[in-house]
Amino acid sequence: MAETDSKLAPELDAPFEVSNDILSDGDALKAQMAESGYLFFRALIPEEAILAARREILARCAEAGWLAPGMAIDEGIAEEGVSWIEPQPEFMAVYNQVQKGEAFHTLAHESALIAMFERLFGEAALAHPRNIARIVFPQNTLHTTPSHQDYIHVQGTEETYTAWMPLGECPQNLGSLAVLAGSHRTGILPVHKAYGAGGVGIDTESLPNQWVGGDFGLGDVVVFHSLAVHKALPNLSPRQIRLSVDYRYQPLSHPVAADSLLPHHGQVGWPEVYAGWKSERFQYYWNYLPIRRAERDPRVHAIRAAADQAPLPASGTR
């Protein structure tokens, strides 16, 4: 039975359906994913693993002068007047340091998450090493991540799934994630230029699906299909930065795109990322797995080419 949030953001139609009761049942996980295009779990990830990644990223933010002086770093309170967005050079200078974080990359391999994917896939899971951190400053609503499908960016196999989790508690007004339930069954959708991460968005007004979402507690995670349309709600908090991560997984037997085996944005290489790590366990692990490389999808090329010919919209919404 689905849990219900006491109050949903105006952008949402219904709360996430919570899937903890089927966590150990692979067939039920497959059926729920096939129906809804997502799975939402409460307290799946150990709190300390999340907080370790949070502290690591906020330390980089503090070094850059992004955090308010006199406040505890763990609070993630932005310095007044500081607001950077991807891919501004000032943002990327810090983000490239975040990409070197051992706790950030190790979190993607949490045993509870890997075990869930193996039950969902019915085989071994490949965790993509191209991990993504989101650092979202407050009140910058124009550049909220727009409605999109991850397959446009990831390619490889359509049976790629994203695990999105905030690094800390994330009520809706801090910018939690929303999913258009069942939209993975619509195929690859046309895109337009948009503000926000990824640079492209999807018009969803004509789609019959409902937006689902809610508040995230520490350790909560939502997992969704690469064709499931999703977006970030705006960070409306007065001064708190929202930290979250995108980790991607696929069945090991399916082909993987070459880009998914490189660091996100590619401005630092793996030798730079791994320099100073305490453990070698999750370094270059994919080189020892029987992976198959995928060709670029010509459908995506055609869709992106059409979008590139159009100008950006006059505002952050469509």
Protein backbone atom coordinates (compact mmCIF):
# COMPACT_ATOMS: atom_id res chain seq x y z
CA MET A 1 0.00 0.00 0.00
CA ALA A 2 1.39 3.38 -0.97
CA GLU A 3 2.40 5.86 1.68
CA THR A 4 0.99 9.36 1.35
CA ASP A 5 2.79 12.63 2.01
CA SER A 6 0.75 15.13 4.03
CA LYS A 7 1.17 17.84 1.39
CA LEU A 8 2.51 17.56 -2.14
CA ALA A 9 4.21 20.31 -4.12
CA PRO A 10 1.96 21.91 -6.77
CA GLU A 11 3.98 20.20 -9.53
CA LEU A 12 3.02 16.74 -8.21
CA ASP A 13 -0.14 14.72 -8.75
CA ALA A 14 0.48 11.84 -6.34
CA PRO A 15 3.07 10.50 -3.87
CA PHE A 16 5.63 7.83 -4.70
CA GLU A 17 4.48 4.27 -4.14
CA VAL A 18 6.87 2.80 -1.58
CA SER A 19 8.36 -0.56 -2.62
CA ASN A 20 10.11 -1.72 0.55
CA ASP A 21 7.62 -4.57 0.99
CA ILE A 22 8.74 -6.17 -2.30
CA LEU A 23 12.47 -5.50 -1.90
CA SER A 24 13.35 -9.20 -1.63
CA ASP A 25 11.03 -10.34 -4.45
CA GLY A 26 12.67 -10.05 -7.87
CA ASP A 27 9.51 -10.86 -9.82
CA ALA A 28 7.53 -8.22 -7.94
CA LEU A 29 10.27 -5.64 -8.52
CA LYS A 30 10.20 -6.38 -12.25
CA ALA A 31 6.41 -6.11 -12.36
CA GLN A 32 6.35 -2.80 -10.48
CA MET A 33 9.12 -1.34 -12.64
CA ALA A 34 7.34 -2.48 -15.82
CA GLU A 35 4.14 -0.80 -14.65
CA SER A 36 5.40 2.45 -13.15
CA GLY A 37 8.92 2.91 -14.52
CA TYR A 38 10.29 3.55 -11.02
CA LEU A 39 10.82 2.03 -7.57
CA PHE A 40 11.02 4.09 -4.39
CA PHE A 41 12.63 2.77 -1.21
CA ARG A 42 12.71 4.23 2.27
CA ALA A 43 15.97 4.04 4.27
CA LEU A 44 17.64 1.63 1.84
CA ILE A 45 21.12 3.15 2.06
CA PRO A 46 23.12 3.27 5.33
CA GLU A 47 23.11 6.77 6.76
CA GLU A 48 26.84 6.91 7.45
CA ALA A 49 27.72 6.12 3.82
CA ILE A 50 25.53 9.01 2.67
CA LEU A 51 26.85 11.41 5.27
CA ALA A 52 30.45 10.54 4.37
CA ALA A 53 29.80 11.56 0.76
CA ARG A 54 27.95 14.67 1.94
CA ARG A 55 30.83 15.79 4.16
CA GLU A 56 33.33 15.13 1.38
CA ILE A 57 31.45 17.29 -1.15
CA LEU A 58 30.64 20.09 1.29
CA ALA A 59 34.33 20.26 2.22
CA ARG A 60 35.09 21.10 -1.42
CA CYS A 61 32.31 23.72 -1.38
CA ALA A 62 33.76 25.27 1.78
CA GLU A 63 37.24 25.44 0.27
CA ALA A 64 35.78 27.38 -2.66
CA GLY A 65 34.06 29.91 -0.39
CA TRP A 66 30.58 28.70 -1.32
CA LEU A 67 29.40 28.17 2.28
CA ALA A 68 28.41 30.76 4.85
CA PRO A 69 31.15 31.44 7.42
CA GLY A 70 30.30 30.70 11.02
CA MET A 71 27.87 27.94 10.08
CA ALA A 72 28.50 24.21 10.47
CA ILE A 73 29.75 22.83 7.14
CA ASP A 74 27.32 19.88 7.37
CA GLU A 75 24.38 22.30 7.18
CA GLY A 76 25.28 23.26 3.60
CA ILE A 77 24.23 26.90 3.96
CA ALA A 78 25.26 28.96 0.95
CA GLU A 79 27.21 32.19 1.35
CA GLU A 80 25.04 35.18 0.52
CA GLY A 81 25.41 36.26 -3.09
CA VAL A 82 27.09 32.98 -4.16
CA SER A 83 25.22 30.92 -6.76
CA TRP A 84 26.97 28.92 -9.46
CA ILE A 85 25.50 26.52 -12.00
CA GLU A 86 26.82 23.75 -14.21
CA PRO A 87 28.74 24.23 -16.54
CA GLN A 88 30.05 27.67 -15.54
CA PRO A 89 33.87 27.57 -15.18
CA GLU A 90 33.64 28.53 -11.49
CA PHE A 91 31.26 25.63 -10.89
CA MET A 92 33.33 23.14 -12.87
CA ALA A 93 36.53 23.99 -11.00
CA VAL A 94 34.88 22.77 -7.81
CA TYR A 95 32.98 19.94 -9.48
CA ASN A 96 36.22 18.46 -10.82
CA GLN A 97 37.46 18.25 -7.23
CA VAL A 98 34.19 16.60 -6.19
CA GLN A 99 34.77 13.99 -8.90
CA LYS A 100 37.95 12.92 -7.09
CA GLY A 101 36.02 11.98 -3.94
CA GLU A 102 36.39 8.37 -2.81
CA ALA A 103 33.27 8.39 -0.62
CA PHE A 104 31.23 9.84 -3.49
CA HIS A 105 32.19 7.02 -5.87
CA THR A 106 32.13 4.27 -3.25
CA LEU A 107 28.52 5.09 -2.34
CA ALA A 108 27.43 3.80 -5.77
CA HIS A 109 28.52 0.31 -4.73
CA GLU A 110 26.49 0.03 -1.52
CA SER A 111 25.57 -3.63 -1.09
CA ALA A 112 21.83 -3.04 -0.53
CA LEU A 113 21.58 -1.13 -3.81
CA ILE A 114 23.59 -3.67 -5.82
CA ALA A 115 21.57 -6.56 -4.35
CA MET A 116 18.30 -4.87 -5.31
CA PHE A 117 19.48 -4.39 -8.90
CA GLU A 118 20.62 -8.00 -9.16
CA ARG A 119 17.15 -9.14 -8.09
CA LEU A 120 15.55 -6.71 -10.56
CA PHE A 121 17.79 -7.84 -13.43
CA GLY A 122 17.95 -11.53 -12.57
CA GLU A 123 21.69 -11.35 -13.25
CA ALA A 124 24.83 -9.46 -12.24
CA ALA A 125 24.58 -5.67 -12.28
CA LEU A 126 27.11 -3.30 -13.83
CA ALA A 127 27.47 -0.05 -11.91
CA HIS A 128 28.54 2.65 -14.35
CA PRO A 129 31.66 4.46 -13.11
CA ARG A 130 30.42 7.76 -14.59
CA ASN A 131 28.87 9.02 -11.36
CA ILE A 132 27.14 12.40 -11.15
CA ALA A 133 26.89 14.80 -8.24
CA ARG A 134 24.38 17.64 -8.21
CA ILE A 135 25.11 20.80 -6.24
CA VAL A 136 22.01 22.98 -6.49
CA PHE A 137 22.08 26.47 -5.01
CA PRO A 138 18.90 27.89 -3.45
CA GLN A 139 16.44 30.13 -5.27
CA ASN A 140 17.91 29.51 -8.73
CA THR A 141 14.63 28.26 -10.19
CA LEU A 142 15.48 29.07 -13.82
CA HIS A 143 18.14 26.35 -13.96
CA THR A 144 16.25 23.53 -12.26
CA THR A 145 16.84 20.23 -14.09
CA PRO A 146 14.07 20.08 -16.74
CA SER A 147 11.83 17.14 -17.66
CA HIS A 148 13.97 14.66 -19.59
CA GLN A 149 14.84 11.01 -20.24
CA ASP A 150 18.27 9.77 -19.23
CA TYR A 151 18.63 7.55 -22.30
CA ILE A 152 19.23 10.63 -24.45
CA HIS A 153 22.41 11.25 -22.47
CA VAL A 154 23.43 7.69 -21.52
CA GLN A 155 22.52 5.49 -24.53
CA GLY A 156 23.99 1.96 -24.43
CA THR A 157 21.04 -0.21 -23.42
CA GLU A 158 17.57 1.15 -22.72
CA GLU A 159 17.63 -1.18 -19.71
CA THR A 160 19.81 1.31 -17.84
CA TYR A 161 18.45 2.55 -14.52
CA THR A 162 19.31 5.62 -12.48
CA ALA A 163 19.39 5.60 -8.68
CA TRP A 164 18.78 9.14 -7.42
CA MET A 165 19.34 9.93 -3.78
CA PRO A 166 19.84 13.16 -1.87
CA LEU A 167 22.86 13.40 0.39
CA GLY A 168 20.77 14.34 3.40
CA GLU A 169 17.11 14.84 4.13
CA CYS A 170 15.38 16.46 1.17
CA PRO A 171 11.86 17.81 1.52
CA GLN A 172 10.15 18.82 -1.68
CA ASN A 173 10.97 22.52 -1.25
CA LEU A 174 14.69 21.68 -1.21
CA GLY A 175 14.38 20.32 -4.74
CA SER A 176 13.55 16.62 -4.59
CA LEU A 177 13.07 14.48 -7.71
CA ALA A 178 9.77 13.81 -9.48
CA VAL A 179 8.99 11.02 -11.97
CA LEU A 180 6.27 10.91 -14.63
CA ALA A 181 4.92 7.48 -13.71
CA GLY A 182 4.57 5.06 -16.62
CA SER A 183 6.21 7.42 -19.12
CA HIS A 184 8.94 4.86 -19.89
CA ARG A 185 6.40 3.11 -22.12
CA THR A 186 6.19 6.08 -24.54
CA GLY A 187 9.56 5.42 -26.22
CA ILE A 188 12.18 8.09 -26.94
CA LEU A 189 10.51 11.51 -26.94
CA PRO A 190 11.48 14.69 -28.86
CA VAL A 191 13.50 17.25 -26.92
CA HIS A 192 13.98 21.00 -26.98
CA LYS A 193 16.78 23.21 -25.69
CA ALA A 194 16.33 24.02 -22.02
CA TYR A 195 18.03 25.61 -19.05
CA GLY A 196 19.39 23.33 -16.35
CA ALA A 197 21.53 20.18 -16.24
CA GLY A 198 21.63 18.31 -19.54
CA GLY A 199 20.56 21.29 -21.63
CA VAL A 200 17.47 19.66 -23.15
CA GLY A 201 13.91 19.13 -21.96
CA ILE A 202 10.66 17.41 -22.96
CA ASP A 203 7.21 18.94 -23.31
CA THR A 204 5.01 16.80 -21.06
CA GLU A 205 1.66 18.61 -21.23
CA SER A 206 0.19 16.15 -23.76
CA LEU A 207 1.32 13.04 -21.88
CA PRO A 208 -1.42 11.34 -19.84
CA ASN A 209 0.88 10.27 -16.99
CA GLN A 210 0.95 11.63 -13.43
CA TRP A 211 3.89 13.33 -11.75
CA VAL A 212 4.79 11.47 -8.56
CA GLY A 213 7.25 12.47 -5.84
CA GLY A 214 7.50 13.50 -2.22
CA ASP A 215 9.88 14.18 0.64
CA PHE A 216 13.09 12.14 0.89
CA GLY A 217 14.48 11.05 4.23
CA LEU A 218 18.10 10.15 4.85
CA GLY A 219 18.78 6.88 3.01
CA ASP A 220 15.75 7.08 0.70
CA VAL A 221 16.35 6.38 -2.98
CA VAL A 222 14.27 6.38 -6.16
CA VAL A 223 15.28 4.13 -9.06
CA PHE A 224 13.90 4.68 -12.56
CA HIS A 225 14.14 3.38 -16.13
CA SER A 226 16.25 5.27 -18.68
CA LEU A 227 13.11 6.22 -20.64
CA ALA A 228 11.14 7.40 -17.60
CA VAL A 229 10.60 11.16 -17.82
CA HIS A 230 11.72 12.89 -14.64
CA LYS A 231 12.71 16.33 -13.34
CA ALA A 232 13.98 18.12 -10.26
CA LEU A 233 11.68 20.33 -8.26
CA PRO A 234 13.11 23.83 -7.65
CA ASN A 235 15.23 24.46 -4.57
CA LEU A 236 13.05 27.04 -2.81
CA SER A 237 14.91 27.03 0.49
CA PRO A 238 16.24 30.42 1.58
CA ARG A 239 19.93 29.46 1.77
CA GLN A 240 20.47 25.68 1.85
CA ILE A 241 22.31 23.91 -0.97
CA ARG A 242 20.74 20.66 -2.20
CA LEU A 243 23.21 17.82 -2.72
CA SER A 244 22.23 14.68 -4.59
CA VAL A 245 23.80 11.93 -6.68
CA ASP A 246 22.86 10.08 -9.86
CA TYR A 247 24.26 6.54 -10.10
CA ARG A 248 23.47 4.30 -13.08
CA TYR A 249 23.19 0.53 -13.39
CA GLN A 250 22.41 -2.02 -16.07
CA PRO A 251 22.43 -5.79 -16.56
CA LEU A 252 26.02 -6.88 -17.08
CA SER A 253 25.10 -8.84 -20.21
CA HIS A 254 23.79 -5.71 -21.99
CA PRO A 255 26.06 -3.41 -24.03
CA VAL A 256 27.35 -0.21 -22.43
CA ALA A 257 28.22 3.10 -24.10
CA ALA A 258 31.89 4.11 -23.99
CA ASP A 259 31.07 7.48 -22.39
CA SER A 260 29.51 5.71 -19.40
CA LEU A 261 32.96 4.38 -18.51
CA LEU A 262 34.54 7.85 -18.29
CA PRO A 263 34.39 10.46 -15.51
CA HIS A 264 31.40 12.79 -15.73
CA HIS A 265 32.13 15.78 -17.99
CA GLY A 266 35.57 14.32 -18.81
CA GLN A 267 37.57 17.28 -17.49
CA VAL A 268 39.57 15.00 -15.20
CA GLY A 269 40.81 11.49 -15.99
CA TRP A 270 40.70 8.36 -13.86
CA PRO A 271 44.36 8.67 -12.74
CA GLU A 272 43.52 12.13 -11.33
CA VAL A 273 40.31 10.86 -9.77
CA TYR A 274 42.00 7.94 -8.04
CA ALA A 275 45.09 9.78 -6.81
CA GLY A 276 45.03 9.73 -3.01
CA TRP A 277 42.33 7.07 -2.61
CA LYS A 278 42.80 4.74 0.34
CA SER A 279 41.41 1.66 -1.41
CA GLU A 280 41.80 0.20 -4.90
CA ARG A 281 38.62 -1.90 -4.65
CA PHE A 282 36.47 0.32 -6.90
CA GLN A 283 39.21 1.55 -9.21
CA TYR A 284 38.97 0.39 -12.85
CA TYR A 285 36.71 -2.48 -11.75
CA TRP A 286 34.90 -2.55 -15.13
CA ASN A 287 38.13 -3.56 -16.87
CA TYR A 288 37.85 -6.94 -15.17
CA LEU A 289 34.24 -7.59 -16.20
CA PRO A 290 32.96 -9.18 -19.44
CA ILE A 291 31.36 -6.00 -20.79
CA ARG A 292 30.26 -5.32 -24.36
CA ARG A 293 30.60 -1.88 -25.92
CA ALA A 294 27.55 -0.27 -27.55
CA GLU A 295 27.42 1.82 -30.71
CA ARG A 296 25.92 5.31 -30.61
CA ASP A 297 22.15 5.29 -31.16
CA PRO A 298 21.26 7.09 -34.44
CA ARG A 299 17.77 7.87 -33.09
CA VAL A 300 19.31 10.04 -30.39
CA HIS A 301 21.54 11.82 -32.90
CA ALA A 302 18.50 12.78 -34.97
CA ILE A 303 16.56 14.00 -31.93
CA ARG A 304 19.45 16.08 -30.59
CA ALA A 305 20.18 17.54 -34.05
CA ALA A 306 16.59 18.79 -34.33
CA ALA A 307 16.80 20.40 -30.88
CA ASP A 308 20.11 22.09 -31.68
CA GLN A 309 18.47 24.06 -34.48
CA ALA A 310 16.01 25.75 -32.13
CA PRO A 311 16.77 28.67 -29.77
CA LEU A 312 16.53 28.49 -25.99
CA PRO A 313 13.10 29.39 -24.62
CA ALA A 314 12.62 32.88 -23.23
CA SER A 315 12.36 31.49 -19.69
CA GLY A 316 13.15 28.31 -17.81
CA THR A 317 9.69 26.84 -18.39
CA ARG A 318 7.83 25.52 -21.43
